[in-house]
N, C-alpha and C. Protein backbone atom coordinates (compact mmCIF):
# COMPACT_ATOMS: atom_id res chain seq x y z
N MET A 1 184.11 285.06 -62.81
CA MET A 1 182.88 285.61 -62.26
C MET A 1 181.81 284.50 -62.28
N PRO A 2 181.06 284.34 -61.20
CA PRO A 2 180.06 283.28 -61.13
C PRO A 2 178.93 283.45 -62.14
N GLN A 3 178.45 282.34 -62.67
CA GLN A 3 177.28 282.35 -63.54
C GLN A 3 176.04 282.16 -62.66
N ILE A 4 175.10 283.08 -62.78
CA ILE A 4 173.91 283.12 -61.95
C ILE A 4 172.68 282.85 -62.80
N ARG A 5 171.79 282.01 -62.31
CA ARG A 5 170.49 281.78 -62.95
C ARG A 5 169.56 282.88 -62.46
N VAL A 6 168.92 283.58 -63.39
CA VAL A 6 168.02 284.68 -63.05
C VAL A 6 166.61 284.33 -63.52
N ARG A 7 165.65 284.40 -62.59
CA ARG A 7 164.26 284.15 -62.94
C ARG A 7 163.48 285.45 -62.78
N PHE A 8 162.72 285.80 -63.81
CA PHE A 8 161.95 287.04 -63.82
C PHE A 8 160.48 286.73 -63.57
N PHE A 9 159.84 287.55 -62.75
CA PHE A 9 158.43 287.38 -62.43
C PHE A 9 157.64 288.64 -62.78
N ALA A 10 156.36 288.45 -63.11
CA ALA A 10 155.40 289.53 -63.34
C ALA A 10 155.95 290.57 -64.33
N ALA A 11 155.99 291.84 -63.91
CA ALA A 11 156.42 292.92 -64.80
C ALA A 11 157.85 292.75 -65.27
N ALA A 12 158.70 292.12 -64.47
CA ALA A 12 160.08 291.89 -64.91
C ALA A 12 160.09 290.91 -66.08
N ARG A 13 159.26 289.91 -66.02
CA ARG A 13 159.17 288.94 -67.12
C ARG A 13 158.71 289.65 -68.40
N GLU A 14 157.73 290.51 -68.27
CA GLU A 14 157.24 291.26 -69.43
C GLU A 14 158.31 292.20 -69.97
N ALA A 15 158.99 292.92 -69.10
CA ALA A 15 159.98 293.90 -69.52
C ALA A 15 161.19 293.26 -70.20
N PHE A 16 161.61 292.09 -69.70
CA PHE A 16 162.78 291.42 -70.27
C PHE A 16 162.41 290.44 -71.37
N GLY A 17 161.12 290.13 -71.50
CA GLY A 17 160.67 289.25 -72.57
C GLY A 17 161.05 287.79 -72.40
N THR A 18 161.35 287.40 -71.18
CA THR A 18 161.73 286.02 -70.90
C THR A 18 161.44 285.72 -69.44
N LYS A 19 161.30 284.44 -69.13
CA LYS A 19 161.09 284.10 -67.72
C LYS A 19 162.37 283.69 -67.02
N GLU A 20 163.43 283.44 -67.80
CA GLU A 20 164.69 283.00 -67.19
C GLU A 20 165.88 283.37 -68.08
N SER A 21 167.01 283.64 -67.42
CA SER A 21 168.23 283.98 -68.13
C SER A 21 169.42 283.59 -67.25
N THR A 22 170.61 283.77 -67.76
CA THR A 22 171.82 283.62 -66.95
C THR A 22 172.65 284.89 -67.10
N ALA A 23 173.44 285.17 -66.07
CA ALA A 23 174.29 286.35 -66.10
C ALA A 23 175.50 286.10 -65.21
N ALA A 24 176.59 286.77 -65.52
CA ALA A 24 177.80 286.70 -64.70
C ALA A 24 177.79 287.88 -63.75
N ALA A 25 177.84 287.58 -62.44
CA ALA A 25 177.85 288.65 -61.44
C ALA A 25 178.32 288.08 -60.10
N SER A 26 178.99 288.94 -59.33
CA SER A 26 179.49 288.55 -58.02
C SER A 26 178.61 289.03 -56.87
N THR A 27 177.76 290.03 -57.15
CA THR A 27 176.85 290.59 -56.15
C THR A 27 175.53 290.96 -56.83
N ILE A 28 174.52 291.27 -56.04
CA ILE A 28 173.24 291.74 -56.59
C ILE A 28 173.46 293.05 -57.35
N ASP A 29 174.26 293.96 -56.80
CA ASP A 29 174.56 295.21 -57.50
C ASP A 29 175.16 294.95 -58.88
N GLU A 30 176.12 294.04 -58.96
CA GLU A 30 176.72 293.70 -60.26
C GLU A 30 175.68 293.06 -61.17
N LEU A 31 174.83 292.23 -60.61
CA LEU A 31 173.79 291.59 -61.41
C LEU A 31 172.85 292.64 -61.99
N MET A 32 172.45 293.63 -61.19
CA MET A 32 171.58 294.69 -61.68
C MET A 32 172.25 295.46 -62.82
N THR A 33 173.53 295.74 -62.68
CA THR A 33 174.27 296.44 -63.73
C THR A 33 174.32 295.61 -65.00
N THR A 34 174.60 294.33 -64.85
CA THR A 34 174.68 293.44 -66.01
C THR A 34 173.33 293.33 -66.72
N LEU A 35 172.28 293.17 -65.95
CA LEU A 35 170.95 293.01 -66.54
C LEU A 35 170.46 294.26 -67.24
N THR A 36 170.85 295.42 -66.75
CA THR A 36 170.35 296.66 -67.33
C THR A 36 171.28 297.27 -68.38
N LYS A 37 172.43 296.67 -68.60
CA LYS A 37 173.42 297.22 -69.53
C LYS A 37 172.83 297.53 -70.90
N ASP A 38 172.15 296.61 -71.51
CA ASP A 38 171.58 296.82 -72.83
C ASP A 38 170.05 296.72 -72.81
N ALA A 39 169.47 296.89 -71.64
CA ALA A 39 168.03 296.71 -71.47
C ALA A 39 167.26 297.97 -71.85
N SER A 40 165.98 297.77 -72.07
CA SER A 40 165.09 298.89 -72.36
C SER A 40 164.92 299.76 -71.11
N THR A 41 164.39 300.96 -71.31
CA THR A 41 164.10 301.85 -70.19
C THR A 41 163.13 301.20 -69.23
N GLU A 42 162.13 300.52 -69.78
CA GLU A 42 161.13 299.83 -68.94
C GLU A 42 161.80 298.77 -68.07
N ALA A 43 162.67 297.96 -68.65
CA ALA A 43 163.35 296.90 -67.90
C ALA A 43 164.25 297.50 -66.82
N THR A 44 164.94 298.57 -67.13
CA THR A 44 165.80 299.24 -66.16
C THR A 44 164.99 299.77 -64.98
N THR A 45 163.83 300.35 -65.28
CA THR A 45 162.95 300.86 -64.22
C THR A 45 162.45 299.72 -63.34
N VAL A 46 162.02 298.63 -63.96
CA VAL A 46 161.52 297.49 -63.20
C VAL A 46 162.60 296.95 -62.28
N ILE A 47 163.81 296.77 -62.78
CA ILE A 47 164.91 296.25 -61.97
C ILE A 47 165.19 297.18 -60.78
N SER A 48 165.17 298.47 -61.02
CA SER A 48 165.49 299.42 -59.94
C SER A 48 164.46 299.39 -58.81
N ARG A 49 163.26 298.93 -59.10
CA ARG A 49 162.19 298.88 -58.09
C ARG A 49 161.96 297.48 -57.53
N SER A 50 162.68 296.52 -58.02
CA SER A 50 162.45 295.12 -57.64
C SER A 50 163.16 294.74 -56.35
N SER A 51 162.67 293.67 -55.77
CA SER A 51 163.39 293.01 -54.68
C SER A 51 163.92 291.70 -55.25
N PHE A 52 164.86 291.10 -54.53
CA PHE A 52 165.54 289.92 -55.03
C PHE A 52 165.58 288.82 -53.98
N LEU A 53 165.44 287.60 -54.44
CA LEU A 53 165.65 286.43 -53.60
C LEU A 53 166.87 285.70 -54.14
N VAL A 54 167.77 285.30 -53.25
CA VAL A 54 168.91 284.49 -53.65
C VAL A 54 168.70 283.11 -53.04
N ASN A 55 168.51 282.14 -53.92
CA ASN A 55 168.23 280.77 -53.47
C ASN A 55 167.06 280.75 -52.48
N ALA A 56 166.00 281.50 -52.83
CA ALA A 56 164.74 281.57 -52.09
C ALA A 56 164.83 282.32 -50.76
N VAL A 57 165.90 283.08 -50.53
CA VAL A 57 166.06 283.88 -49.32
C VAL A 57 166.18 285.35 -49.73
N ALA A 58 165.43 286.23 -49.05
CA ALA A 58 165.46 287.66 -49.36
C ALA A 58 166.88 288.20 -49.31
N ALA A 59 167.26 288.91 -50.36
CA ALA A 59 168.59 289.52 -50.44
C ALA A 59 168.48 290.95 -49.91
N THR A 60 168.98 291.18 -48.72
CA THR A 60 168.89 292.50 -48.10
C THR A 60 170.17 293.32 -48.26
N ASP A 61 171.27 292.66 -48.60
CA ASP A 61 172.55 293.34 -48.79
C ASP A 61 172.96 293.23 -50.26
N PRO A 62 172.88 294.34 -51.01
CA PRO A 62 173.22 294.27 -52.44
C PRO A 62 174.68 293.95 -52.72
N GLN A 63 175.53 293.98 -51.68
CA GLN A 63 176.94 293.67 -51.84
C GLN A 63 177.29 292.25 -51.38
N ALA A 64 176.30 291.50 -50.90
CA ALA A 64 176.57 290.13 -50.46
C ALA A 64 177.03 289.31 -51.66
N PRO A 65 178.00 288.42 -51.47
CA PRO A 65 178.53 287.66 -52.60
C PRO A 65 177.54 286.64 -53.16
N LEU A 66 177.57 286.52 -54.49
CA LEU A 66 176.84 285.46 -55.19
C LEU A 66 177.84 284.38 -55.55
N SER A 67 177.36 283.15 -55.64
CA SER A 67 178.23 282.02 -55.95
C SER A 67 177.76 281.33 -57.22
N GLU A 68 178.67 280.64 -57.86
CA GLU A 68 178.37 279.86 -59.05
C GLU A 68 177.14 278.98 -58.79
N GLY A 69 176.17 279.07 -59.71
CA GLY A 69 174.98 278.23 -59.61
C GLY A 69 173.85 278.80 -58.77
N ASP A 70 174.06 279.96 -58.15
CA ASP A 70 172.97 280.58 -57.39
C ASP A 70 171.81 280.90 -58.32
N THR A 71 170.61 280.93 -57.74
CA THR A 71 169.41 281.36 -58.47
C THR A 71 168.93 282.65 -57.82
N VAL A 72 168.74 283.68 -58.64
CA VAL A 72 168.22 284.95 -58.17
C VAL A 72 166.87 285.18 -58.82
N ASP A 73 165.86 285.40 -57.97
CA ASP A 73 164.51 285.72 -58.44
C ASP A 73 164.35 287.23 -58.40
N VAL A 74 163.85 287.81 -59.50
CA VAL A 74 163.59 289.23 -59.60
C VAL A 74 162.10 289.44 -59.39
N LEU A 75 161.75 290.12 -58.30
CA LEU A 75 160.35 290.29 -57.90
C LEU A 75 159.98 291.77 -57.91
N PRO A 76 159.28 292.20 -58.95
CA PRO A 76 158.85 293.61 -58.97
C PRO A 76 157.76 293.84 -57.94
N PRO A 77 157.54 295.11 -57.57
CA PRO A 77 156.45 295.38 -56.63
C PRO A 77 155.13 294.94 -57.24
N LEU A 78 154.26 294.43 -56.40
CA LEU A 78 152.96 293.96 -56.87
C LEU A 78 151.88 294.91 -56.39
N ALA A 79 150.93 295.18 -57.25
CA ALA A 79 149.77 295.97 -56.87
C ALA A 79 148.65 295.03 -56.49
N GLY A 80 147.92 295.39 -55.52
CA GLY A 80 146.82 294.53 -55.09
C GLY A 80 145.64 295.35 -54.65
N GLY A 81 144.58 294.66 -54.39
CA GLY A 81 143.42 295.44 -53.97
C GLY A 81 142.49 294.58 -53.17
C-alpha cells in the first residue's frame, strides 16, 4: 500500500494536533478511513467535511488511485465574512 504524505490545514490541524503525517492508503476513501480509525470525534467530523488536494490538484473522485509519495492536503471548510 502506498505511503502518502498528509498535510492538515486550519481546523484539521487543530483536530489532529499536527500539521503533517503519513498514512498508507490507495485512495482518498481509504485515506479517510485510515485517518479516522483512532481519531477523536472532532477529527472525524472535520475529515468528513473536508476537501482534498492530491499533489496540489483538487481530488474530485474519492476512488482515484494514490501513488507512493503523493501529498494529500486536507482542507476543511473555511468561514469568512
